[in-house]
Amino acid sequence: MYLNVFRSRKRANFDGEAYAADAARMQALARTQKGFISFRTYAAEDGETLSMSEWQTEEHARAWQRNAEHVAVQGKGRSEYYETYTVYSCREPQVRSFNRKGNR
């Protein structure tokens, strides 16, 4: 598995409707890409967002990063939407889980 975590803050004057439309389109497109596993996004009370995507391999994640439509929207994000962002990526993350129903 390959994991990307995208931590961001939007600009004060960003176009929320345009952002939501671009985000929905990118989520739908990502789900069609080879190797896609999952995507989740969370918002903190202070406006920071955290998005996480999981891929079967690093190569699949890199292919998504280079997708032409995704590249265009990434540029739009830098020029119009984001004040700051940081991307954390890792190959084969250590995964620990708990499932109350499955643990006896």
N, C-alpha and C. Protein backbone atom coordinates (compact mmCIF):
# COMPACT_ATOMS: atom_id res chain seq x y z
N MET A 1 0.84 -1.17 0.00
CA MET A 1 0.00 0.00 0.00
C MET A 1 0.89 1.24 0.00
N TYR A 2 0.38 2.31 -0.60
CA TYR A 2 1.06 3.61 -0.61
C TYR A 2 0.06 4.64 -0.11
N LEU A 3 0.50 5.51 0.76
CA LEU A 3 -0.38 6.45 1.43
C LEU A 3 0.07 7.88 1.17
N ASN A 4 -0.89 8.74 0.80
CA ASN A 4 -0.66 10.18 0.69
C ASN A 4 -1.58 10.88 1.66
N VAL A 5 -1.02 11.80 2.43
CA VAL A 5 -1.80 12.64 3.33
C VAL A 5 -1.55 14.09 2.91
N PHE A 6 -2.63 14.80 2.62
CA PHE A 6 -2.57 16.17 2.11
C PHE A 6 -3.17 17.08 3.18
N ARG A 7 -2.32 17.92 3.76
CA ARG A 7 -2.73 18.84 4.83
C ARG A 7 -2.74 20.25 4.24
N SER A 8 -3.88 20.97 4.39
CA SER A 8 -3.98 22.25 3.70
C SER A 8 -4.81 23.28 4.45
N ARG A 9 -4.60 24.53 4.03
CA ARG A 9 -5.43 25.66 4.45
C ARG A 9 -5.78 26.45 3.20
N LYS A 10 -7.06 26.81 3.08
CA LYS A 10 -7.52 27.58 1.93
C LYS A 10 -7.23 29.07 2.16
N ARG A 11 -7.20 29.82 1.07
CA ARG A 11 -7.07 31.27 1.15
C ARG A 11 -8.36 31.86 1.71
N ALA A 12 -8.26 33.02 2.31
CA ALA A 12 -9.43 33.66 2.90
C ALA A 12 -10.49 33.99 1.85
N ASN A 13 -10.07 34.33 0.65
CA ASN A 13 -11.01 34.79 -0.38
C ASN A 13 -11.22 33.78 -1.51
N PHE A 14 -10.98 32.48 -1.25
CA PHE A 14 -11.11 31.49 -2.33
C PHE A 14 -12.57 31.29 -2.72
N ASP A 15 -12.78 30.84 -3.95
CA ASP A 15 -14.12 30.57 -4.48
C ASP A 15 -14.54 29.18 -4.03
N GLY A 16 -15.37 29.11 -2.99
CA GLY A 16 -15.77 27.84 -2.41
C GLY A 16 -16.55 26.96 -3.36
N GLU A 17 -17.40 27.55 -4.18
CA GLU A 17 -18.19 26.75 -5.14
C GLU A 17 -17.29 26.12 -6.20
N ALA A 18 -16.37 26.91 -6.73
CA ALA A 18 -15.44 26.37 -7.74
C ALA A 18 -14.55 25.29 -7.13
N TYR A 19 -14.09 25.53 -5.91
CA TYR A 19 -13.27 24.53 -5.23
C TYR A 19 -14.04 23.23 -5.04
N ALA A 20 -15.27 23.32 -4.55
CA ALA A 20 -16.09 22.12 -4.31
C ALA A 20 -16.31 21.34 -5.60
N ALA A 21 -16.55 22.06 -6.70
CA ALA A 21 -16.75 21.39 -8.00
C ALA A 21 -15.47 20.69 -8.45
N ASP A 22 -14.34 21.37 -8.33
CA ASP A 22 -13.06 20.75 -8.71
C ASP A 22 -12.75 19.55 -7.82
N ALA A 23 -12.98 19.69 -6.52
CA ALA A 23 -12.69 18.59 -5.58
C ALA A 23 -13.57 17.37 -5.90
N ALA A 24 -14.85 17.60 -6.17
CA ALA A 24 -15.75 16.48 -6.48
C ALA A 24 -15.32 15.79 -7.78
N ARG A 25 -14.92 16.59 -8.77
CA ARG A 25 -14.48 16.02 -10.05
C ARG A 25 -13.20 15.21 -9.87
N MET A 26 -12.25 15.71 -9.06
CA MET A 26 -11.00 15.00 -8.84
C MET A 26 -11.23 13.72 -8.03
N GLN A 27 -12.13 13.77 -7.05
CA GLN A 27 -12.43 12.55 -6.29
C GLN A 27 -13.03 11.49 -7.19
N ALA A 28 -13.96 11.88 -8.04
CA ALA A 28 -14.58 10.92 -8.96
C ALA A 28 -13.54 10.35 -9.93
N LEU A 29 -12.68 11.20 -10.45
CA LEU A 29 -11.64 10.75 -11.38
C LEU A 29 -10.63 9.83 -10.69
N ALA A 30 -10.22 10.18 -9.47
CA ALA A 30 -9.25 9.35 -8.74
C ALA A 30 -9.79 7.94 -8.54
N ARG A 31 -11.08 7.84 -8.25
CA ARG A 31 -11.69 6.53 -8.00
C ARG A 31 -11.65 5.63 -9.23
N THR A 32 -11.46 6.20 -10.41
CA THR A 32 -11.40 5.40 -11.65
C THR A 32 -9.97 4.98 -12.00
N GLN A 33 -8.99 5.49 -11.25
CA GLN A 33 -7.59 5.24 -11.58
C GLN A 33 -7.16 3.86 -11.10
N LYS A 34 -6.30 3.24 -11.89
CA LYS A 34 -5.75 1.94 -11.52
C LYS A 34 -5.02 2.05 -10.18
N GLY A 35 -5.28 1.11 -9.29
CA GLY A 35 -4.59 1.06 -8.01
C GLY A 35 -5.23 1.87 -6.90
N PHE A 36 -6.30 2.61 -7.21
CA PHE A 36 -6.97 3.41 -6.18
C PHE A 36 -7.60 2.49 -5.14
N ILE A 37 -7.43 2.81 -3.86
CA ILE A 37 -8.05 2.06 -2.78
C ILE A 37 -9.13 2.90 -2.08
N SER A 38 -8.74 4.08 -1.60
CA SER A 38 -9.72 4.89 -0.87
C SER A 38 -9.29 6.34 -0.78
N PHE A 39 -10.25 7.19 -0.45
CA PHE A 39 -10.01 8.61 -0.23
C PHE A 39 -10.94 9.09 0.87
N ARG A 40 -10.41 9.88 1.78
CA ARG A 40 -11.19 10.50 2.85
C ARG A 40 -10.66 11.91 3.07
N THR A 41 -11.54 12.80 3.49
CA THR A 41 -11.10 14.15 3.84
C THR A 41 -11.81 14.59 5.11
N TYR A 42 -11.10 15.36 5.92
CA TYR A 42 -11.59 15.81 7.21
C TYR A 42 -11.27 17.29 7.37
N ALA A 43 -12.14 18.02 8.05
CA ALA A 43 -11.92 19.45 8.30
C ALA A 43 -11.88 19.70 9.80
N ALA A 44 -10.90 20.48 10.22
CA ALA A 44 -10.79 20.87 11.62
C ALA A 44 -11.57 22.17 11.85
N GLU A 45 -11.88 22.45 13.09
CA GLU A 45 -12.63 23.66 13.43
C GLU A 45 -11.90 24.92 13.02
N ASP A 46 -10.57 24.89 12.97
CA ASP A 46 -9.79 26.09 12.62
C ASP A 46 -9.62 26.27 11.11
N GLY A 47 -10.27 25.42 10.32
CA GLY A 47 -10.22 25.56 8.86
C GLY A 47 -9.20 24.69 8.16
N GLU A 48 -8.30 24.08 8.90
CA GLU A 48 -7.33 23.19 8.26
C GLU A 48 -8.05 21.92 7.79
N THR A 49 -7.63 21.39 6.64
CA THR A 49 -8.20 20.14 6.16
C THR A 49 -7.09 19.10 6.03
N LEU A 50 -7.52 17.86 6.15
CA LEU A 50 -6.61 16.72 6.02
C LEU A 50 -7.29 15.72 5.10
N SER A 51 -6.63 15.39 4.00
CA SER A 51 -7.16 14.42 3.06
C SER A 51 -6.17 13.27 2.94
N MET A 52 -6.70 12.06 2.83
CA MET A 52 -5.86 10.88 2.78
C MET A 52 -6.29 10.01 1.61
N SER A 53 -5.32 9.63 0.78
CA SER A 53 -5.62 8.68 -0.29
C SER A 53 -4.71 7.47 -0.14
N GLU A 54 -5.28 6.30 -0.41
CA GLU A 54 -4.55 5.04 -0.35
C GLU A 54 -4.51 4.43 -1.75
N TRP A 55 -3.34 3.91 -2.10
CA TRP A 55 -3.10 3.32 -3.42
C TRP A 55 -2.46 1.96 -3.24
N GLN A 56 -2.64 1.09 -4.21
CA GLN A 56 -2.03 -0.24 -4.13
C GLN A 56 -0.51 -0.15 -4.13
N THR A 57 0.04 0.75 -4.97
CA THR A 57 1.50 0.88 -5.06
C THR A 57 1.88 2.35 -5.23
N GLU A 58 3.15 2.63 -5.02
CA GLU A 58 3.66 3.98 -5.24
C GLU A 58 3.51 4.36 -6.72
N GLU A 59 3.71 3.41 -7.62
CA GLU A 59 3.59 3.69 -9.05
C GLU A 59 2.17 4.16 -9.39
N HIS A 60 1.16 3.53 -8.78
CA HIS A 60 -0.22 3.95 -9.01
C HIS A 60 -0.45 5.38 -8.51
N ALA A 61 0.07 5.69 -7.34
CA ALA A 61 -0.07 7.04 -6.78
C ALA A 61 0.64 8.06 -7.65
N ARG A 62 1.82 7.72 -8.13
CA ARG A 62 2.58 8.64 -8.99
C ARG A 62 1.87 8.85 -10.33
N ALA A 63 1.25 7.81 -10.86
CA ALA A 63 0.50 7.96 -12.10
C ALA A 63 -0.66 8.93 -11.90
N TRP A 64 -1.33 8.84 -10.75
CA TRP A 64 -2.41 9.78 -10.45
C TRP A 64 -1.86 11.20 -10.32
N GLN A 65 -0.72 11.35 -9.71
CA GLN A 65 -0.10 12.66 -9.55
C GLN A 65 0.18 13.30 -10.91
N ARG A 66 0.49 12.47 -11.93
CA ARG A 66 0.82 12.96 -13.27
C ARG A 66 -0.38 13.03 -14.21
N ASN A 67 -1.57 12.58 -13.77
CA ASN A 67 -2.76 12.64 -14.60
C ASN A 67 -2.97 14.08 -15.08
N ALA A 68 -3.16 14.28 -16.39
CA ALA A 68 -3.21 15.63 -16.96
C ALA A 68 -4.29 16.51 -16.33
N GLU A 69 -5.47 15.97 -16.14
CA GLU A 69 -6.54 16.78 -15.54
C GLU A 69 -6.21 17.10 -14.08
N HIS A 70 -5.64 16.14 -13.38
CA HIS A 70 -5.24 16.36 -11.99
C HIS A 70 -4.14 17.42 -11.91
N VAL A 71 -3.17 17.36 -12.81
CA VAL A 71 -2.09 18.35 -12.85
C VAL A 71 -2.66 19.75 -13.04
N ALA A 72 -3.64 19.89 -13.93
CA ALA A 72 -4.26 21.20 -14.17
C ALA A 72 -4.94 21.73 -12.91
N VAL A 73 -5.66 20.87 -12.22
CA VAL A 73 -6.36 21.30 -11.01
C VAL A 73 -5.37 21.56 -9.88
N GLN A 74 -4.26 20.83 -9.83
CA GLN A 74 -3.23 21.12 -8.84
C GLN A 74 -2.70 22.55 -9.04
N GLY A 75 -2.47 22.92 -10.28
CA GLY A 75 -2.01 24.29 -10.57
C GLY A 75 -3.04 25.32 -10.16
N LYS A 76 -4.29 25.03 -10.43
CA LYS A 76 -5.37 25.94 -10.02
C LYS A 76 -5.42 26.06 -8.50
N GLY A 77 -5.18 24.94 -7.81
CA GLY A 77 -5.14 24.97 -6.35
C GLY A 77 -4.07 25.92 -5.83
N ARG A 78 -2.89 25.87 -6.43
CA ARG A 78 -1.80 26.75 -6.01
C ARG A 78 -2.10 28.21 -6.35
N SER A 79 -2.71 28.45 -7.51
CA SER A 79 -2.93 29.85 -7.92
C SER A 79 -4.20 30.46 -7.35
N GLU A 80 -5.20 29.62 -6.99
CA GLU A 80 -6.49 30.19 -6.58
C GLU A 80 -7.04 29.74 -5.23
N TYR A 81 -6.71 28.54 -4.76
CA TYR A 81 -7.40 28.00 -3.58
C TYR A 81 -6.58 27.97 -2.30
N TYR A 82 -5.35 27.51 -2.38
CA TYR A 82 -4.59 27.20 -1.16
C TYR A 82 -3.70 28.34 -0.70
N GLU A 83 -3.72 28.53 0.60
CA GLU A 83 -2.75 29.41 1.26
C GLU A 83 -1.48 28.62 1.53
N THR A 84 -1.65 27.41 2.05
CA THR A 84 -0.53 26.51 2.32
C THR A 84 -0.99 25.07 2.16
N TYR A 85 -0.05 24.20 1.84
CA TYR A 85 -0.31 22.76 1.92
C TYR A 85 1.00 22.00 2.09
N THR A 86 0.86 20.81 2.64
CA THR A 86 1.98 19.89 2.82
C THR A 86 1.47 18.51 2.45
N VAL A 87 2.28 17.75 1.71
CA VAL A 87 1.92 16.38 1.35
C VAL A 87 2.89 15.44 2.05
N TYR A 88 2.34 14.47 2.76
CA TYR A 88 3.12 13.42 3.40
C TYR A 88 2.85 12.13 2.62
N SER A 89 3.88 11.42 2.25
CA SER A 89 3.72 10.18 1.49
C SER A 89 4.58 9.09 2.11
N CYS A 90 4.05 7.87 2.09
CA CYS A 90 4.88 6.77 2.57
C CYS A 90 4.48 5.46 1.92
N ARG A 91 5.50 4.66 1.70
CA ARG A 91 5.38 3.32 1.16
C ARG A 91 5.17 2.36 2.31
N GLU A 92 4.29 1.43 2.17
CA GLU A 92 4.07 0.38 3.17
C GLU A 92 4.03 0.94 4.59
N PRO A 93 3.05 1.80 4.88
CA PRO A 93 2.97 2.36 6.24
C PRO A 93 2.72 1.27 7.27
N GLN A 94 3.19 1.49 8.45
CA GLN A 94 2.86 0.57 9.54
C GLN A 94 1.39 0.78 9.86
N VAL A 95 0.64 -0.29 9.85
CA VAL A 95 -0.79 -0.20 10.07
C VAL A 95 -1.16 -1.05 11.28
N ARG A 96 -1.82 -0.43 12.23
CA ARG A 96 -2.34 -1.14 13.39
C ARG A 96 -3.83 -0.83 13.45
N SER A 97 -4.63 -1.81 13.76
CA SER A 97 -6.07 -1.56 13.79
C SER A 97 -6.72 -2.28 14.95
N PHE A 98 -7.90 -1.87 15.25
CA PHE A 98 -8.72 -2.47 16.31
C PHE A 98 -10.14 -2.56 15.80
N ASN A 99 -10.77 -3.68 16.04
CA ASN A 99 -12.18 -3.86 15.70
C ASN A 99 -12.82 -4.58 16.88
N ARG A 100 -13.62 -3.86 17.63
CA ARG A 100 -14.22 -4.41 18.85
C ARG A 100 -14.95 -5.71 18.57
N LYS A 101 -15.67 -5.78 17.47
CA LYS A 101 -16.44 -6.97 17.15
C LYS A 101 -15.56 -8.14 16.71
N GLY A 102 -14.40 -7.81 16.11
CA GLY A 102 -13.53 -8.87 15.60
C GLY A 102 -12.49 -9.35 16.58
N ASN A 103 -12.29 -8.64 17.68
CA ASN A 103 -11.27 -9.02 18.67
C ASN A 103 -11.93 -9.73 19.85
N ARG A 104 -11.51 -10.92 20.12
CA ARG A 104 -12.08 -11.70 21.24
C ARG A 104 -10.96 -12.17 22.14
